[in-house]
């Protein structure tokens, strides 16, 4: 009984401190610059980067369509591309909107200048321009999808509390920082609107960090 209580106490501690946990992964890091730090979120400037993506017009993400898109992208990284090039595992993100469900995997740095073209129409390359995102760290549990909405609601409330009103909360990006499982570090992203006026950036608040993404 005592051992069981100790285990429960440890689990309770880990869950309570979820936002303080740092990701421990072996995937290539994605560069970003922190331009604003809030009490439980940060604003990041992301560089221009090419991703390989797949898309479905289904507007609800579920295990079936997630697996289907994952296999399509996996085929590309395993050599189903114009050069037969195998590409190492990298971070991935996904977004669900009224238009559909898109999943993208980051191209590694060494292939950014000249990524191989996909074979077939189900996979495409997307070079995304430099952009700014607001980020809140969460702990993801694949058995509990509600953590995404909870994280988004908390990020929205934190931005409003800091007087920042220039980020779109819908749709939002869902980023998993490690292999799927229980209590996996993850992040919720809001993308900044084109008309930037919600906060002031100071040189003293800017720092350079690395981050990595990976998807379920």
Protein backbone atom coordinates (compact mmCIF):
# COMPACT_ATOMS: atom_id res chain seq x y z
CA UNK A 1 0.00 0.00 0.00
CA UNK A 2 2.83 2.42 0.89
CA UNK A 3 4.54 1.77 -2.46
CA UNK A 4 1.26 2.48 -4.29
CA UNK A 5 0.86 5.80 -2.46
CA UNK A 6 4.42 6.80 -3.36
CA UNK A 7 3.82 6.02 -7.06
CA UNK A 8 0.57 8.00 -7.05
CA UNK A 9 2.32 10.93 -5.39
CA UNK A 10 5.06 10.92 -8.03
CA UNK A 11 2.52 10.84 -10.86
CA UNK A 12 0.56 13.65 -9.25
CA UNK A 13 3.72 15.75 -8.97
CA UNK A 14 4.64 15.19 -12.64
CA UNK A 15 1.17 16.07 -13.90
CA UNK A 16 0.97 19.22 -11.74
CA UNK A 17 4.34 20.47 -13.03
CA UNK A 18 3.61 19.66 -16.68
CA UNK A 19 4.38 23.11 -18.06
CA UNK A 20 7.86 23.08 -16.51
CA UNK A 21 8.98 19.88 -18.21
CA UNK A 22 11.47 20.26 -21.07
CA UNK A 23 11.35 17.97 -24.13
CA UNK A 24 14.01 15.27 -24.32
CA UNK A 25 14.15 14.03 -27.91
CA UNK A 26 16.78 12.93 -30.40
CA UNK A 27 15.27 14.76 -33.36
CA UNK A 28 16.92 17.61 -35.18
CA UNK A 29 16.23 20.93 -33.52
CA UNK A 30 14.26 23.69 -35.23
CA UNK A 31 15.62 27.23 -34.64
CA UNK A 32 13.49 30.05 -33.31
CA UNK A 33 13.88 33.37 -31.54
CA UNK A 34 11.94 34.28 -28.41
CA UNK A 35 10.63 37.85 -28.77
CA UNK A 36 8.32 37.99 -25.74
CA UNK A 37 8.05 35.97 -22.53
CA UNK A 38 4.78 35.79 -20.61
CA UNK A 39 4.11 34.05 -17.29
CA UNK A 40 3.08 30.75 -18.92
CA UNK A 41 3.68 31.30 -22.65
CA UNK A 42 6.18 32.82 -25.06
CA UNK A 43 6.14 34.48 -28.47
CA UNK A 44 8.56 33.05 -31.04
CA UNK A 45 9.84 34.21 -34.40
CA UNK A 46 10.20 31.21 -36.73
CA UNK A 47 12.50 31.32 -39.78
CA UNK A 48 11.43 30.50 -43.33
CA UNK A 49 11.31 26.70 -43.55
CA UNK A 50 10.19 23.99 -45.97
CA UNK A 51 7.88 21.21 -44.78
CA UNK A 52 6.52 18.12 -46.52
CA UNK A 53 2.75 17.88 -46.07
CA UNK A 54 -0.34 15.82 -46.74
CA UNK A 55 -3.97 16.91 -46.55
CA UNK A 56 -7.49 15.59 -46.24
CA UNK A 57 -10.71 17.59 -46.54
CA UNK A 58 -12.07 15.85 -43.44
CA UNK A 59 -12.55 18.53 -40.80
CA UNK A 60 -12.26 16.23 -37.79
CA UNK A 61 -8.95 14.67 -36.80
CA UNK A 62 -9.17 11.04 -35.75
CA UNK A 63 -6.90 8.02 -35.57
CA UNK A 64 -7.90 6.84 -39.05
CA UNK A 65 -7.09 9.99 -41.00
CA UNK A 66 -4.03 10.74 -38.82
CA UNK A 67 -2.61 7.33 -39.65
CA UNK A 68 -3.41 7.76 -43.36
CA UNK A 69 -1.57 11.09 -43.60
CA UNK A 70 1.32 9.77 -41.49
CA UNK A 71 1.84 6.85 -43.88
CA UNK A 72 1.86 9.17 -46.90
CA UNK A 73 4.52 11.41 -45.36
CA UNK A 74 6.44 8.37 -44.11
CA UNK A 75 6.53 7.06 -47.69
CA UNK A 76 8.14 10.30 -48.85
CA UNK A 77 10.79 10.26 -46.10
CA UNK A 78 11.53 6.57 -46.77
CA UNK A 79 12.46 7.33 -50.39
CA UNK A 80 9.22 7.79 -52.33
CA UNK A 81 10.49 11.00 -53.90
CA UNK A 82 12.11 11.97 -57.19
CA UNK A 83 15.65 11.19 -55.98
CA UNK A 84 14.86 8.12 -53.89
CA UNK A 85 16.38 9.96 -50.94
CA UNK A 86 15.77 8.66 -47.42
CA UNK A 87 15.20 11.52 -44.99
CA UNK A 88 15.80 11.19 -41.26
CA UNK A 89 13.00 11.60 -38.75
CA UNK A 90 12.12 15.21 -38.03
CA UNK A 91 9.45 17.20 -36.19
CA UNK A 92 5.87 17.34 -37.44
CA UNK A 93 2.82 19.48 -36.73
CA UNK A 94 -0.84 19.45 -37.68
CA UNK A 95 -3.76 21.83 -37.88
CA UNK A 96 -7.51 21.22 -38.16
CA UNK A 97 -9.69 23.94 -39.70
CA UNK A 98 -12.99 24.37 -41.53
CA UNK A 99 -11.13 23.55 -44.76
CA UNK A 100 -9.71 20.23 -43.58
CA UNK A 101 -6.87 18.53 -41.73
CA UNK A 102 -3.23 19.11 -42.71
CA UNK A 103 -0.17 17.29 -41.37
CA UNK A 104 3.39 18.49 -42.12
CA UNK A 105 6.84 17.16 -41.29
CA UNK A 106 9.79 19.53 -41.13
CA UNK A 107 12.47 19.01 -43.76
CA UNK A 108 15.90 18.68 -42.10
CA UNK A 109 18.38 21.55 -42.45
CA UNK A 110 20.57 19.71 -44.95
CA UNK A 111 17.70 19.38 -47.46
CA UNK A 112 16.25 22.89 -47.05
CA UNK A 113 18.08 24.33 -50.07
CA UNK A 114 17.04 21.57 -52.48
CA UNK A 115 14.40 19.14 -51.14
CA UNK A 116 13.46 16.26 -53.45
CA UNK A 117 10.04 16.57 -55.06
CA UNK A 118 7.36 14.10 -53.91
CA UNK A 119 6.04 11.38 -56.22
CA UNK A 120 2.26 11.52 -56.56
CA UNK A 121 -0.30 14.16 -55.66
CA UNK A 122 -1.00 13.13 -52.05
CA UNK A 123 2.18 14.73 -50.69
CA UNK A 124 3.45 18.26 -51.39
CA UNK A 125 6.20 20.63 -50.30
CA UNK A 126 5.24 23.81 -48.47
CA UNK A 127 7.81 26.56 -47.92
CA UNK A 128 6.40 28.65 -45.09
CA UNK A 129 7.68 32.23 -44.70
CA UNK A 130 9.12 33.57 -41.47
CA UNK A 131 6.29 34.06 -39.00
CA UNK A 132 5.50 34.68 -35.37
CA UNK A 133 3.63 32.30 -33.07
CA UNK A 134 2.44 32.40 -29.48
CA UNK A 135 3.26 29.14 -27.70
CA UNK A 136 2.01 27.38 -24.57
CA UNK A 137 3.60 24.14 -23.38
CA UNK A 138 1.30 21.31 -22.36
CA UNK A 139 1.55 17.60 -21.63
CA UNK A 140 -0.18 15.49 -24.27
CA UNK A 141 -1.95 12.23 -23.57
CA UNK A 142 -3.11 10.43 -26.72
CA UNK A 143 -6.05 9.01 -24.77
CA UNK A 144 -7.26 12.51 -23.87
CA UNK A 145 -7.68 14.81 -26.87
CA UNK A 146 -9.33 17.51 -24.73
CA UNK A 147 -5.89 18.72 -23.56
CA UNK A 148 -5.52 20.57 -26.89
CA UNK A 149 -8.65 22.68 -26.39
CA UNK A 150 -7.81 23.24 -22.73
CA UNK A 151 -4.32 24.41 -23.69
CA UNK A 152 -5.69 26.71 -26.39
CA UNK A 153 -8.20 28.26 -23.98
CA UNK A 154 -5.46 28.90 -21.41
CA UNK A 155 -3.14 30.42 -24.02
CA UNK A 156 -5.93 32.72 -25.23
CA UNK A 157 -6.65 33.84 -21.66
CA UNK A 158 -2.95 34.48 -20.96
CA UNK A 159 -2.55 36.57 -24.12
CA UNK A 160 -5.61 38.63 -23.20
CA UNK A 161 -4.29 39.12 -19.65
CA UNK A 162 -1.05 40.53 -21.09
CA UNK A 163 -2.97 42.81 -23.47
CA UNK A 164 -1.91 40.89 -26.60
CA UNK A 165 -4.69 40.72 -29.15
CA UNK A 166 -2.95 40.04 -32.47
CA UNK A 167 -2.92 36.22 -32.55
CA UNK A 168 -5.47 33.92 -34.17
CA UNK A 169 -6.77 31.29 -31.76
CA UNK A 170 -8.70 29.44 -34.46
CA UNK A 171 -7.44 27.38 -36.07
CA UNK A 172 -4.45 26.61 -33.86
CA UNK A 173 -1.44 24.36 -34.39
CA UNK A 174 -0.97 21.21 -32.31
CA UNK A 175 2.66 20.19 -31.92
CA UNK A 176 3.86 17.00 -30.20
CA UNK A 177 7.48 17.02 -29.06
CA UNK A 178 8.11 13.29 -28.85
CA UNK A 179 6.70 9.92 -29.86
CA UNK A 180 2.98 9.47 -29.08
CA UNK A 181 2.16 8.05 -25.69
CA UNK A 182 1.18 9.17 -22.19
CA UNK A 183 2.35 12.49 -20.68
CA UNK A 184 4.31 13.56 -23.77
CA UNK A 185 5.60 17.17 -23.96
CA UNK A 186 3.59 19.14 -26.51
CA UNK A 187 2.77 22.71 -27.52
CA UNK A 188 -0.20 24.78 -28.66
CA UNK A 189 0.58 27.48 -31.24
CA UNK A 190 -1.41 30.55 -32.28
CA UNK A 191 -0.20 32.29 -35.44
CA UNK A 192 0.17 36.05 -35.43
CA UNK A 193 -2.24 38.09 -37.53
CA UNK A 194 -0.81 40.14 -40.40
CA UNK A 195 -1.56 43.46 -38.68
CA UNK A 196 0.87 43.40 -35.74
CA UNK A 197 -0.07 45.79 -32.93
CA UNK A 198 -0.70 43.75 -29.80
CA UNK A 199 2.62 43.92 -27.98
CA UNK A 200 5.96 45.70 -27.98
CA UNK A 201 9.16 43.79 -28.50
CA UNK A 202 12.29 44.79 -26.61
CA UNK A 203 15.87 43.79 -27.35
CA UNK A 204 16.39 42.67 -23.75
CA UNK A 205 13.59 40.11 -24.09
CA UNK A 206 15.00 38.45 -27.22
CA UNK A 207 16.89 35.19 -26.89
CA UNK A 208 17.75 32.42 -29.33
CA UNK A 209 16.64 28.87 -28.62
CA UNK A 210 16.14 25.59 -30.41
CA UNK A 211 12.90 23.65 -30.52
CA UNK A 212 11.77 20.42 -32.09
CA UNK A 213 8.38 19.12 -33.16
CA UNK A 214 7.08 15.69 -33.84
CA UNK A 215 3.61 14.42 -34.47
CA UNK A 216 1.34 11.54 -33.72
